[in-house]
Amino acid sequence: MEASGEGTARQITFVGEPVLHRPCEDVTGFDEELAVLVADMFASMYAAEGVGLAANQIGVPLRVFVYDCPDETEEYRKGVVVNPTLVLPGHGERNLDEYDEGCLSVPGQRAGLARPDRAVVHGFDVTGAPITVEGTGLLARCLQHETDHLDGMLYIDRLPAERRQQLLAAYEAAKEAAGEVAGEAADKQASAAE
């Protein structure tokens, strides 16, 4: 995916950082500051090759998410939702879709997670106008995943405890291995410079 010409890609926050593990605050000002944040969120999402991004994933504890994600017909839908309220089908009307879910804040890890195959989010656009987004397929999952973020929950928090621990251990091992590789590369650079 290409980054748009607007916005600045910011660093993604990772599992364990406090901003990801507590509920975000409602947006109260629909102003230039919010517009800049949303542009930066799109740039950050594209730079990380994601299909959705919540504000706390770039360290901002506000109830905003962006998405550019396909629905069940493979048509990409793009937008922003401020102060979202998620509505899922009732238990009798709910069809669960099992899918390998991942997250930019837990890079390199995926796990099967059942979620309803339809979702609706009510909220506001960047100007404060009321909006409703109806999602099916991957878009429905994205709407649920991003709203979870704003409630201080990661997808791994919905997994059985043992599976969650396996993913976190694999994430830590990969992070440690990446750090060792980076350290070796720095040592080689330092040796070459001497």
Protein backbone atom coordinates (compact mmCIF):
# COMPACT_ATOMS: atom_id res chain seq x y z
CA MET A 1 0.00 0.00 0.00
CA GLU A 2 1.18 3.53 -0.69
CA ALA A 3 1.18 6.32 1.82
CA SER A 4 -0.89 9.31 0.83
CA GLY A 5 0.84 12.64 0.23
CA GLU A 6 -0.74 14.02 3.40
CA GLY A 7 0.12 13.23 6.97
CA THR A 8 3.26 12.02 8.66
CA ALA A 9 3.78 8.38 9.56
CA ARG A 10 4.27 8.01 13.30
CA GLN A 11 5.80 5.19 15.34
CA ILE A 12 3.38 2.33 16.09
CA THR A 13 2.92 1.51 19.79
CA PHE A 14 3.38 -2.11 20.80
CA VAL A 15 1.71 -4.50 23.22
CA GLY A 16 2.73 -3.69 26.80
CA GLU A 17 2.70 0.08 26.30
CA PRO A 18 0.13 1.51 28.77
CA VAL A 19 -1.73 3.62 26.17
CA LEU A 20 -2.90 0.40 24.48
CA HIS A 21 -4.31 -1.14 27.62
CA ARG A 22 -6.74 1.47 28.90
CA PRO A 23 -9.88 3.01 27.40
CA CYS A 24 -9.40 6.11 25.24
CA GLU A 25 -11.07 9.47 25.84
CA ASP A 26 -13.88 10.90 23.72
CA VAL A 27 -12.92 13.50 21.14
CA THR A 28 -14.44 16.87 22.05
CA GLY A 29 -12.91 19.15 19.40
CA PHE A 30 -13.49 18.67 15.68
CA ASP A 31 -10.72 21.02 14.64
CA GLU A 32 -7.45 21.29 12.71
CA GLU A 33 -5.64 19.27 15.40
CA LEU A 34 -8.03 16.35 14.82
CA ALA A 35 -7.64 16.67 11.02
CA VAL A 36 -3.83 16.50 11.39
CA LEU A 37 -4.13 13.47 13.69
CA VAL A 38 -6.37 11.65 11.18
CA ALA A 39 -3.99 12.42 8.28
CA ASP A 40 -1.09 11.10 10.37
CA MET A 41 -3.10 7.99 11.24
CA PHE A 42 -3.73 7.20 7.57
CA ALA A 43 -0.03 7.78 6.77
CA SER A 44 0.98 5.54 9.69
CA MET A 45 -1.48 2.79 8.70
CA TYR A 46 -0.24 2.77 5.09
CA ALA A 47 3.43 2.87 6.13
CA ALA A 48 2.83 -0.17 8.37
CA GLU A 49 0.79 -1.90 5.63
CA GLY A 50 -2.32 -2.19 7.78
CA VAL A 51 -6.02 -2.01 6.94
CA GLY A 52 -7.06 -0.21 10.12
CA LEU A 53 -5.46 1.86 12.89
CA ALA A 54 -6.69 3.26 16.19
CA ALA A 55 -5.30 6.52 17.61
CA ASN A 56 -3.75 4.80 20.63
CA GLN A 57 -1.68 2.70 18.23
CA ILE A 58 0.33 5.87 17.59
CA GLY A 59 0.25 6.88 21.26
CA VAL A 60 -2.79 9.20 21.22
CA PRO A 61 -5.48 8.15 23.75
CA LEU A 62 -8.49 9.45 21.78
CA ARG A 63 -11.50 7.54 20.41
CA VAL A 64 -10.64 7.71 16.70
CA PHE A 65 -9.85 5.03 14.15
CA VAL A 66 -9.18 4.95 10.41
CA TYR A 67 -9.63 2.10 7.95
CA ASP A 68 -9.02 1.19 4.33
CA CYS A 69 -10.30 -2.35 4.22
CA PRO A 70 -12.23 -4.71 1.93
CA ASP A 71 -15.73 -5.93 2.73
CA GLU A 72 -17.07 -9.39 1.83
CA THR A 73 -17.33 -8.38 -1.86
CA GLU A 74 -13.60 -7.39 -1.85
CA GLU A 75 -14.54 -3.73 -2.39
CA TYR A 76 -12.19 -1.49 -0.39
CA ARG A 77 -13.90 0.99 1.90
CA LYS A 78 -11.98 3.87 3.43
CA GLY A 79 -12.90 6.21 6.25
CA VAL A 80 -12.49 7.57 9.74
CA VAL A 81 -14.78 7.11 12.74
CA VAL A 82 -14.62 9.42 15.74
CA ASN A 83 -16.21 8.39 19.06
CA PRO A 84 -17.50 5.07 17.66
CA THR A 85 -20.27 2.99 19.13
CA LEU A 86 -20.21 -0.63 17.94
CA VAL A 87 -23.45 -2.52 17.30
CA LEU A 88 -23.31 -6.28 16.65
CA PRO A 89 -26.12 -8.62 15.57
CA GLY A 90 -28.11 -10.20 18.40
CA HIS A 91 -27.04 -13.68 19.49
CA GLY A 92 -29.86 -15.33 17.50
CA GLU A 93 -28.92 -13.40 14.32
CA ARG A 94 -25.15 -13.70 14.71
CA ASN A 95 -22.94 -15.69 12.31
CA LEU A 96 -19.41 -16.14 13.59
CA ASP A 97 -16.52 -16.00 11.15
CA GLU A 98 -13.25 -17.69 12.22
CA TYR A 99 -10.26 -15.87 10.75
CA ASP A 100 -6.54 -15.58 11.44
CA GLU A 101 -6.36 -12.11 12.99
CA GLY A 102 -3.24 -10.01 13.45
CA CYS A 103 -2.39 -6.56 14.76
CA LEU A 104 0.18 -3.88 13.97
CA SER A 105 0.77 -3.58 17.73
CA VAL A 106 1.68 -7.29 18.02
CA PRO A 107 3.73 -7.62 14.82
CA GLY A 108 4.45 -11.00 13.32
CA GLN A 109 1.78 -12.85 15.30
CA ARG A 110 -1.61 -14.15 14.15
CA ALA A 111 -4.30 -16.29 15.73
CA GLY A 112 -7.68 -17.68 14.77
CA LEU A 113 -10.45 -15.63 16.36
CA ALA A 114 -14.20 -15.94 15.80
CA ARG A 115 -16.07 -12.65 15.41
CA PRO A 116 -19.52 -11.76 14.02
CA ASP A 117 -19.43 -11.45 10.22
CA ARG A 118 -21.46 -8.23 10.28
CA ALA A 119 -20.96 -5.07 12.35
CA VAL A 120 -22.24 -1.51 12.44
CA VAL A 121 -20.44 1.48 13.91
CA HIS A 122 -22.11 4.81 14.67
CA GLY A 123 -19.96 7.87 15.25
CA PHE A 124 -18.77 11.06 13.60
CA ASP A 125 -16.52 12.02 10.72
CA VAL A 126 -13.57 14.39 11.10
CA THR A 127 -15.86 17.44 10.81
CA GLY A 128 -18.27 16.22 13.51
CA ALA A 129 -21.03 15.08 11.13
CA PRO A 130 -22.83 11.90 12.28
CA ILE A 131 -21.98 8.77 10.29
CA THR A 132 -22.85 5.08 10.26
CA VAL A 133 -20.53 2.45 8.80
CA GLU A 134 -21.90 -1.02 8.05
CA GLY A 135 -19.32 -3.71 7.53
CA THR A 136 -19.29 -7.30 6.29
CA GLY A 137 -16.43 -9.74 5.91
CA LEU A 138 -13.00 -8.33 6.79
CA LEU A 139 -14.43 -4.83 7.21
CA ALA A 140 -16.78 -6.12 9.94
CA ARG A 141 -13.77 -7.64 11.70
CA CYS A 142 -11.81 -4.39 11.27
CA LEU A 143 -14.61 -2.29 12.82
CA GLN A 144 -14.69 -4.63 15.83
CA HIS A 145 -10.89 -4.83 16.13
CA GLU A 146 -10.40 -1.05 16.04
CA THR A 147 -13.25 -0.34 18.46
CA ASP A 148 -11.67 -2.90 20.82
CA HIS A 149 -8.43 -0.88 20.67
CA LEU A 150 -10.27 2.25 21.76
CA ASP A 151 -11.72 0.29 24.70
CA GLY A 152 -8.18 -0.69 25.77
CA MET A 153 -8.37 -4.23 24.40
CA LEU A 154 -6.16 -6.05 21.89
CA TYR A 155 -7.37 -9.03 19.87
CA ILE A 156 -5.06 -11.27 21.91
CA ASP A 157 -7.14 -10.35 24.99
CA ARG A 158 -10.05 -12.26 23.39
CA LEU A 159 -8.01 -15.46 23.04
CA PRO A 160 -7.86 -18.31 25.58
CA ALA A 161 -5.15 -17.56 28.17
CA GLU A 162 -2.82 -20.32 26.99
CA ARG A 163 -2.97 -19.21 23.33
CA ARG A 164 -2.46 -15.58 24.37
CA GLN A 165 0.66 -16.53 26.36
CA GLN A 166 2.02 -18.51 23.38
CA LEU A 167 1.61 -15.49 21.10
CA LEU A 168 3.21 -13.11 23.58
CA ALA A 169 6.15 -15.49 24.10
CA ALA A 170 6.63 -15.80 20.31
CA TYR A 171 6.41 -12.01 19.96
CA GLU A 172 9.05 -11.48 22.69
CA ALA A 173 11.34 -14.13 21.17
CA ALA A 174 11.06 -12.49 17.72
CA LYS A 175 11.71 -9.06 19.22
CA GLU A 176 14.77 -10.36 21.07
CA ALA A 177 16.10 -12.06 17.92
CA ALA A 178 15.57 -8.86 15.91
CA GLY A 179 17.46 -6.91 18.59
CA GLU A 180 20.39 -9.35 18.41
CA VAL A 181 20.49 -9.07 14.61
CA ALA A 182 20.43 -5.27 14.84
CA GLY A 183 23.20 -5.39 17.46
CA GLU A 184 25.38 -7.61 15.26
CA ALA A 185 24.85 -5.27 12.30
CA ALA A 186 25.88 -2.28 14.45
CA ASP A 187 28.99 -4.16 15.64
CA LYS A 188 29.95 -4.90 12.02
CA GLN A 189 29.45 -1.24 11.09
CA ALA A 190 31.59 -0.12 14.02
CA SER A 191 34.33 -2.61 13.07
CA ALA A 192 34.27 -1.42 9.46
CA ALA A 193 34.59 2.21 10.57
CA GLU A 194 37.70 1.54 12.70
